C-alpha cells in the first residue's frame, strides 16, 4: 500500500483538479488563443498544468524522502513562475534568468563540491535546456503528456530494476498524474498543459535524470536517450533557426511534429506515431542498461541514424507539401 498509495493519490488529485478547472469559471481567462505557432483553431484553456502539478506534488507527499526536497522546491517555483507567465506574460529574458537561477541552485544542491564550477555550469545549462525544450515540444494534442508517460515510466522501471524503490515511486507518480491529464488532453484536447505544466516536467526530466545517475541507477546517456524524441526534434529545429539568424524564442511551426500535423497526419495520428517512437526508445534503452559499453555506443549510433533518416524524409515531404500548396494557390 505504501508503494501504490502515492500513485492513486496523484491520479485522483490530477483528475479532480483538471475537472474543476474545466467546469469552474476561475482561471477561465487563461486561454490559449490560436496564433502563428498554434496547430489548433479554437481557443482552449491552458491551465491543465496546474492540475497535473497538483497531482504530482500531492502524490509526492505520500512518498516523501529527504532527497526529493530540491526537486520539489524547483518544480514548485517553476510552477508559480510559469503560471504567472501564462496569466500575464513575462519577458523571455526574465524567464530565462529565473530558469537559470533555479537550475543552478538545483545543480549546486545535488552535486558534489569536488566536481568544480565547470561541471556545475554544464549541468545547469543542460537542466535549463531540458526545461525549455519540453515547452517547445508542447504544441500538439497528447504529445507532451505522452512523453511524460513514456519517459518517466522508463525512469521508474530502470530505478525499480536497480533496487531503488523510492526513485521508482517518484517517477511513477509523474506517470499517473500525466495519464490523468491525457484523459482531457488527447485529441480533441479540452485543455492544454500550458507553461505551468510543460516547464516543470522538463525540469523533472533533467533533475531526476541527474539524480538517478548520481545514485548509479543508470548511465549518463540514459536520460537523454529516453527523452530523445523531444531532445532531437527541439535541438535540431532550434539550431536550424539559430543558424538562419531567427529568434529562437519566437512562436513558429517548424518542429517536425508540427510539420506532420500540417501535412495531414492530424493530432491523433501524429501522437500515436510519437507514442510508438517513445515506447521503442524507452524499452530498448532499458534493455541496454547492463550491456557492455560497446553495445551501448552502437545502440545510440543506430538510434541517431534512425532519427537522421526520419528527419530527412519529413523534410523532403514537407518541401513537396509546400510546393503543391503553392501550386494550388
Protein backbone atom coordinates (compact mmCIF):
# COMPACT_ATOMS: atom_id res chain seq x y z
CA UNK A 1 0.00 0.00 0.00
CA UNK A 2 2.86 2.40 0.76
CA UNK A 3 4.04 1.91 -2.82
CA UNK A 4 0.72 2.28 -4.63
CA UNK A 5 -0.96 4.93 -2.44
CA UNK A 6 1.10 7.84 -3.88
CA UNK A 7 0.20 6.72 -7.41
CA UNK A 8 -3.51 6.57 -6.63
CA UNK A 9 -3.45 9.95 -4.87
CA UNK A 10 -1.60 11.52 -7.79
CA UNK A 11 -4.07 10.28 -10.39
CA UNK A 12 -7.18 11.21 -8.38
CA UNK A 13 -5.95 14.69 -7.45
CA UNK A 14 -4.86 15.49 -11.01
CA UNK A 15 -8.12 14.19 -12.48
CA UNK A 16 -10.25 16.03 -9.94
CA UNK A 17 -8.34 19.29 -10.22
CA UNK A 18 -8.48 19.36 -14.02
CA UNK A 19 -12.22 18.66 -13.83
CA UNK A 20 -12.62 21.65 -11.53
CA UNK A 21 -10.56 23.83 -13.85
CA UNK A 22 -12.72 22.85 -16.81
CA UNK A 23 -16.06 23.25 -15.04
CA UNK A 24 -15.30 26.27 -12.88
CA UNK A 25 -15.05 29.84 -14.03
CA UNK A 26 -11.99 30.75 -12.01
CA UNK A 27 -8.82 30.91 -14.11
CA UNK A 28 -11.11 30.95 -17.13
CA UNK A 29 -9.18 33.89 -18.55
CA UNK A 30 -6.07 31.78 -19.10
CA UNK A 31 -6.96 30.76 -22.64
CA UNK A 32 -4.64 29.62 -25.42
CA UNK A 33 -5.71 31.68 -28.43
CA UNK A 34 -4.67 30.41 -31.88
CA UNK A 35 -1.55 32.16 -33.23
CA UNK A 36 1.22 31.61 -35.77
CA UNK A 37 2.63 28.70 -33.73
CA UNK A 38 -0.67 27.03 -32.97
CA UNK A 39 -1.95 23.84 -34.55
CA UNK A 40 -5.44 24.39 -33.15
CA UNK A 41 -8.13 26.71 -34.50
CA UNK A 42 -10.29 27.35 -31.43
CA UNK A 43 -9.49 28.85 -28.00
CA UNK A 44 -8.61 26.20 -25.39
CA UNK A 45 -7.82 26.68 -21.65
CA UNK A 46 -4.14 26.24 -20.86
CA UNK A 47 -4.50 25.61 -17.13
CA UNK A 48 -4.09 21.82 -17.28
CA UNK A 49 -0.58 22.04 -15.90
CA UNK A 50 -1.96 23.26 -12.58
CA UNK A 51 -3.97 20.07 -12.18
CA UNK A 52 -1.07 17.96 -13.41
CA UNK A 53 1.33 19.53 -10.89
CA UNK A 54 -1.23 19.34 -8.09
CA UNK A 55 -1.41 15.58 -8.65
CA UNK A 56 2.37 15.22 -8.72
CA UNK A 57 3.02 17.21 -5.55
CA UNK A 58 0.14 15.52 -3.71
CA UNK A 59 1.47 12.08 -4.64
CA UNK A 60 4.98 13.04 -3.56
CA UNK A 61 3.69 13.93 -0.09
CA UNK A 62 2.88 10.23 0.42
CA UNK A 63 6.26 9.12 -0.97
CA UNK A 64 8.40 11.74 0.75
CA UNK A 65 12.14 11.26 1.11
CA UNK A 66 14.65 13.95 2.08
CA UNK A 67 16.45 13.75 -1.28
CA UNK A 68 13.26 14.95 -3.01
CA UNK A 69 13.39 18.43 -1.42
CA UNK A 70 15.44 20.24 -4.14
CA UNK A 71 13.32 18.57 -6.83
CA UNK A 72 10.02 19.62 -5.21
CA UNK A 73 11.18 23.18 -4.48
CA UNK A 74 12.45 23.66 -8.03
CA UNK A 75 9.27 22.26 -9.56
CA UNK A 76 7.00 24.36 -7.33
CA UNK A 77 8.99 27.53 -8.09
CA UNK A 78 8.76 26.89 -11.82
CA UNK A 79 5.03 26.19 -11.48
CA UNK A 80 4.41 29.57 -9.87
CA UNK A 81 6.63 31.40 -12.36
CA UNK A 82 5.08 29.66 -15.36
CA UNK A 83 1.52 30.24 -14.20
CA UNK A 84 2.32 33.93 -13.83
CA UNK A 85 3.70 33.85 -17.37
CA UNK A 86 0.53 32.11 -18.63
CA UNK A 87 -1.60 34.68 -16.81
CA UNK A 88 0.17 37.94 -17.59
CA UNK A 89 3.10 37.23 -19.86
CA UNK A 90 6.75 37.73 -18.86
CA UNK A 91 9.74 38.76 -20.95
CA UNK A 92 11.80 35.96 -22.47
CA UNK A 93 14.93 37.35 -20.84
CA UNK A 94 13.32 37.48 -17.41
CA UNK A 95 12.03 33.93 -17.69
CA UNK A 96 15.40 32.63 -18.85
CA UNK A 97 17.22 34.33 -15.97
CA UNK A 98 14.92 32.79 -13.36
CA UNK A 99 15.16 29.37 -15.06
CA UNK A 100 18.94 29.73 -14.90
CA UNK A 101 18.85 30.59 -11.20
CA UNK A 102 16.56 27.67 -10.31
CA UNK A 103 18.61 25.22 -12.39
CA UNK A 104 21.86 26.49 -10.91
CA UNK A 105 20.59 26.18 -7.34
CA UNK A 106 19.34 22.65 -8.02
CA UNK A 107 22.64 21.61 -9.64
CA UNK A 108 24.61 23.11 -6.73
CA UNK A 109 22.43 21.42 -4.10
CA UNK A 110 22.75 17.90 -5.54
CA UNK A 111 26.29 17.94 -6.99
CA UNK A 112 29.48 17.05 -5.20
CA UNK A 113 31.74 20.06 -4.42
CA UNK A 114 34.70 18.12 -5.84
CA UNK A 115 33.30 18.31 -9.38
CA UNK A 116 34.09 22.03 -9.74
CA UNK A 117 32.47 25.04 -11.41
CA UNK A 118 32.84 23.80 -14.98
CA UNK A 119 30.76 20.73 -14.18
CA UNK A 120 28.22 22.89 -12.35
CA UNK A 121 27.91 25.16 -15.38
CA UNK A 122 27.41 22.24 -17.78
CA UNK A 123 24.76 20.64 -15.58
CA UNK A 124 22.96 23.98 -15.17
CA UNK A 125 22.90 24.51 -18.94
CA UNK A 126 21.52 21.01 -19.57
CA UNK A 127 18.77 21.49 -16.97
CA UNK A 128 17.77 24.85 -18.47
CA UNK A 129 17.72 23.38 -21.97
CA UNK A 130 15.63 20.38 -20.95
CA UNK A 131 13.27 22.68 -19.04
CA UNK A 132 12.63 24.83 -22.09
CA UNK A 133 12.71 22.23 -24.85
CA UNK A 134 9.82 20.39 -23.20
CA UNK A 135 7.84 23.62 -23.52
CA UNK A 136 8.85 23.98 -27.17
CA UNK A 137 7.50 20.49 -27.89
CA UNK A 138 4.15 21.08 -26.16
CA UNK A 139 2.20 22.06 -29.26
CA UNK A 140 0.04 19.10 -30.29
CA UNK A 141 -2.77 17.22 -28.55
CA UNK A 142 -1.46 14.47 -26.29
CA UNK A 143 2.21 14.90 -27.20
CA UNK A 144 3.79 16.33 -24.02
CA UNK A 145 1.62 14.16 -21.78
CA UNK A 146 2.60 11.07 -23.76
CA UNK A 147 6.29 11.91 -23.46
CA UNK A 148 5.84 12.23 -19.68
CA UNK A 149 4.19 8.80 -19.50
CA UNK A 150 6.88 7.13 -21.61
CA UNK A 151 9.92 8.96 -20.27
CA UNK A 152 9.14 8.75 -16.57
CA UNK A 153 7.93 5.15 -16.93
CA UNK A 154 11.38 4.33 -18.32
CA UNK A 155 12.98 6.08 -15.35
CA UNK A 156 10.68 4.21 -12.97
CA UNK A 157 11.35 0.78 -14.45
CA UNK A 158 15.11 1.39 -14.52
CA UNK A 159 15.10 2.52 -10.87
CA UNK A 160 12.99 -0.49 -9.87
CA UNK A 161 15.37 -2.89 -11.64
CA UNK A 162 18.27 -1.21 -9.84
CA UNK A 163 16.55 -1.76 -6.49
CA UNK A 164 15.72 1.88 -5.67
CA UNK A 165 12.00 1.83 -4.87
CA UNK A 166 11.86 5.45 -3.69
CA UNK A 167 13.04 6.87 -7.02
CA UNK A 168 10.79 4.45 -8.88
CA UNK A 169 7.69 5.60 -6.96
CA UNK A 170 8.58 9.26 -7.51
CA UNK A 171 8.75 8.62 -11.27
CA UNK A 172 5.51 6.64 -11.43
CA UNK A 173 3.71 9.44 -9.55
CA UNK A 174 4.59 11.61 -12.55
CA UNK A 175 3.26 8.91 -14.86
CA UNK A 176 -0.12 8.52 -13.14
CA UNK A 177 -0.64 12.28 -13.00
CA UNK A 178 0.21 12.54 -16.70
CA UNK A 179 -2.25 9.74 -17.51
CA UNK A 180 -5.00 11.67 -15.74
CA UNK A 181 -4.08 14.77 -17.74
CA UNK A 182 -4.14 12.82 -21.02
CA UNK A 183 -7.78 11.93 -20.33
CA UNK A 184 -8.54 15.59 -21.10
CA UNK A 185 -5.69 16.43 -23.48
CA UNK A 186 -5.75 13.64 -26.06
CA UNK A 187 -7.29 14.63 -29.37
CA UNK A 188 -9.57 16.52 -29.39
CA UNK A 189 -7.97 18.35 -26.48
CA UNK A 190 -10.30 20.01 -24.00
CA UNK A 191 -7.44 21.60 -22.06
CA UNK A 192 -3.75 22.29 -22.65
CA UNK A 193 -0.85 21.90 -20.25
CA UNK A 194 0.47 25.43 -20.61
CA UNK A 195 3.84 26.59 -19.30
CA UNK A 196 2.74 25.68 -15.76
CA UNK A 197 2.90 22.01 -16.77
CA UNK A 198 5.49 21.75 -19.53
CA UNK A 199 8.21 23.80 -17.81
CA UNK A 200 8.20 21.78 -14.54
CA UNK A 201 8.04 18.49 -16.48
CA UNK A 202 11.14 19.48 -18.43
CA UNK A 203 12.87 20.33 -15.15
CA UNK A 204 11.88 16.98 -13.64
CA UNK A 205 13.15 15.08 -16.68
CA UNK A 206 16.59 16.64 -16.21
CA UNK A 207 16.59 16.67 -12.42
CA UNK A 208 15.57 13.05 -11.92
CA UNK A 209 17.90 12.02 -14.74
CA UNK A 210 20.80 13.65 -12.88
CA UNK A 211 19.80 12.20 -9.50
CA UNK A 212 19.43 8.71 -10.96
CA UNK A 213 22.90 8.91 -12.49
CA UNK A 214 24.38 10.07 -9.17
CA UNK A 215 22.66 7.18 -7.38
CA UNK A 216 24.13 4.83 -10.02
CA UNK A 217 20.70 3.72 -11.25
CA UNK A 218 21.57 4.37 -14.90
CA UNK A 219 24.46 5.65 -17.06
CA UNK A 220 24.67 9.31 -18.07
CA UNK A 221 23.33 8.65 -21.60
CA UNK A 222 20.09 7.08 -20.38
CA UNK A 223 18.07 10.26 -19.57
CA UNK A 224 18.96 11.91 -22.87
CA UNK A 225 18.09 8.77 -24.82
CA UNK A 226 14.79 8.19 -23.01
CA UNK A 227 13.65 11.74 -23.82
CA UNK A 228 15.35 11.81 -27.24
CA UNK A 229 12.07 12.12 -29.20
CA UNK A 230 11.80 15.61 -27.69
CA UNK A 231 15.52 16.34 -27.38
CA UNK A 232 16.33 15.60 -31.04
CA UNK A 233 13.34 17.43 -32.56
CA UNK A 234 13.77 20.55 -30.41
CA UNK A 235 17.56 20.72 -30.67
CA UNK A 236 17.70 20.25 -34.46
CA UNK A 237 14.81 22.66 -35.12
CA UNK A 238 16.11 25.42 -32.85
CA UNK A 239 19.66 25.02 -34.18
CA UNK A 240 18.41 25.44 -37.74
CA UNK A 241 16.51 28.59 -36.77
CA UNK A 242 19.55 29.95 -34.94
CA UNK A 243 21.80 29.38 -37.96
CA UNK A 244 19.29 31.28 -40.10
CA UNK A 245 19.52 34.22 -37.72
CA UNK A 246 15.94 33.83 -36.46
CA UNK A 247 14.83 34.47 -32.89
CA UNK A 248 14.56 31.00 -31.40
CA UNK A 249 12.14 32.10 -28.66
CA UNK A 250 9.53 33.37 -31.10
CA UNK A 251 6.47 31.26 -31.94
CA UNK A 252 6.75 29.08 -35.04
CA UNK A 253 5.50 25.85 -36.59
CA UNK A 254 8.77 24.32 -37.83
CA UNK A 255 9.19 21.37 -35.46
CA UNK A 256 9.00 18.02 -37.21
CA UNK A 257 5.89 17.00 -35.28
CA UNK A 258 4.23 20.28 -36.31
CA UNK A 259 5.04 19.60 -39.94
CA UNK A 260 3.47 16.14 -39.69
CA UNK A 261 0.25 17.61 -38.32
CA UNK A 262 0.14 20.27 -41.04
CA UNK A 263 0.78 17.69 -43.79
CA UNK A 264 -2.44 15.91 -42.94
CA UNK A 265 -1.42 13.45 -40.25
CA UNK A 266 -3.52 15.35 -37.74
CA UNK A 267 -3.10 15.39 -33.96
CA UNK A 268 -4.25 11.81 -33.32
CA UNK A 269 -2.07 10.01 -35.88
CA UNK A 270 0.94 12.18 -35.01
CA UNK A 271 0.54 11.48 -31.28
CA UNK A 272 0.11 7.72 -31.76
CA UNK A 273 3.16 7.57 -34.04
CA UNK A 274 5.19 9.51 -31.50
CA UNK A 275 3.99 7.13 -28.76
CA UNK A 276 5.38 4.19 -30.74
CA UNK A 277 8.70 6.03 -31.09
CA UNK A 278 8.79 7.00 -27.40
CA UNK A 279 7.95 3.49 -26.24
CA UNK A 280 10.51 1.90 -28.57
CA UNK A 281 13.29 4.22 -27.43
CA UNK A 282 12.41 3.73 -23.77
CA UNK A 283 12.17 -0.05 -23.97
CA UNK A 284 15.39 -0.51 -25.93
CA UNK A 285 17.19 1.91 -23.61
CA UNK A 286 16.18 -0.21 -20.60
CA UNK A 287 17.37 -3.37 -22.36
CA UNK A 288 20.77 -1.75 -22.94
CA UNK A 289 21.35 -0.69 -19.33
CA UNK A 290 23.54 -3.62 -18.32
CA UNK A 291 25.15 -4.28 -21.69
CA UNK A 292 28.85 -3.62 -22.41
CA UNK A 293 29.73 -0.04 -23.33
CA UNK A 294 30.42 -1.01 -26.94
CA UNK A 295 26.86 -2.33 -27.28
CA UNK A 296 25.53 0.86 -25.74
CA UNK A 297 27.55 3.02 -28.13
CA UNK A 298 26.29 1.04 -31.13
CA UNK A 299 22.75 1.30 -29.81
CA UNK A 300 23.00 5.08 -29.55
CA UNK A 301 24.52 5.37 -33.01
CA UNK A 302 21.73 3.27 -34.56
CA UNK A 303 19.03 5.43 -32.99
CA UNK A 304 20.76 8.63 -34.12
CA UNK A 305 20.90 7.21 -37.65
CA UNK A 306 17.19 6.37 -37.45
CA UNK A 307 16.42 9.92 -36.33
CA UNK A 308 18.52 11.36 -39.14
CA UNK A 309 16.74 9.30 -41.79
CA UNK A 310 13.31 10.18 -40.36
CA UNK A 311 14.13 13.91 -40.32
CA UNK A 312 15.41 13.81 -43.91
CA UNK A 313 12.22 12.05 -45.04
CA UNK A 314 9.95 14.51 -43.22
CA UNK A 315 11.98 17.43 -44.58
CA UNK A 316 11.58 16.19 -48.14
CA UNK A 317 7.86 15.55 -47.71
CA UNK A 318 7.42 18.99 -46.17
CA UNK A 319 9.03 20.77 -49.12
CA UNK A 320 6.89 18.75 -51.53
CA UNK A 321 3.80 19.64 -49.50
CA UNK A 322 4.64 23.35 -49.56
CA UNK A 323 5.32 23.24 -53.30
CA UNK A 324 2.00 21.52 -54.01
CA UNK A 325 0.14 24.00 -51.82
CA UNK A 326 1.83 26.90 -53.60
CA UNK A 327 0.90 25.46 -56.99
CA UNK A 328 -2.75 25.17 -55.98
CA UNK A 329 -2.88 28.81 -54.92
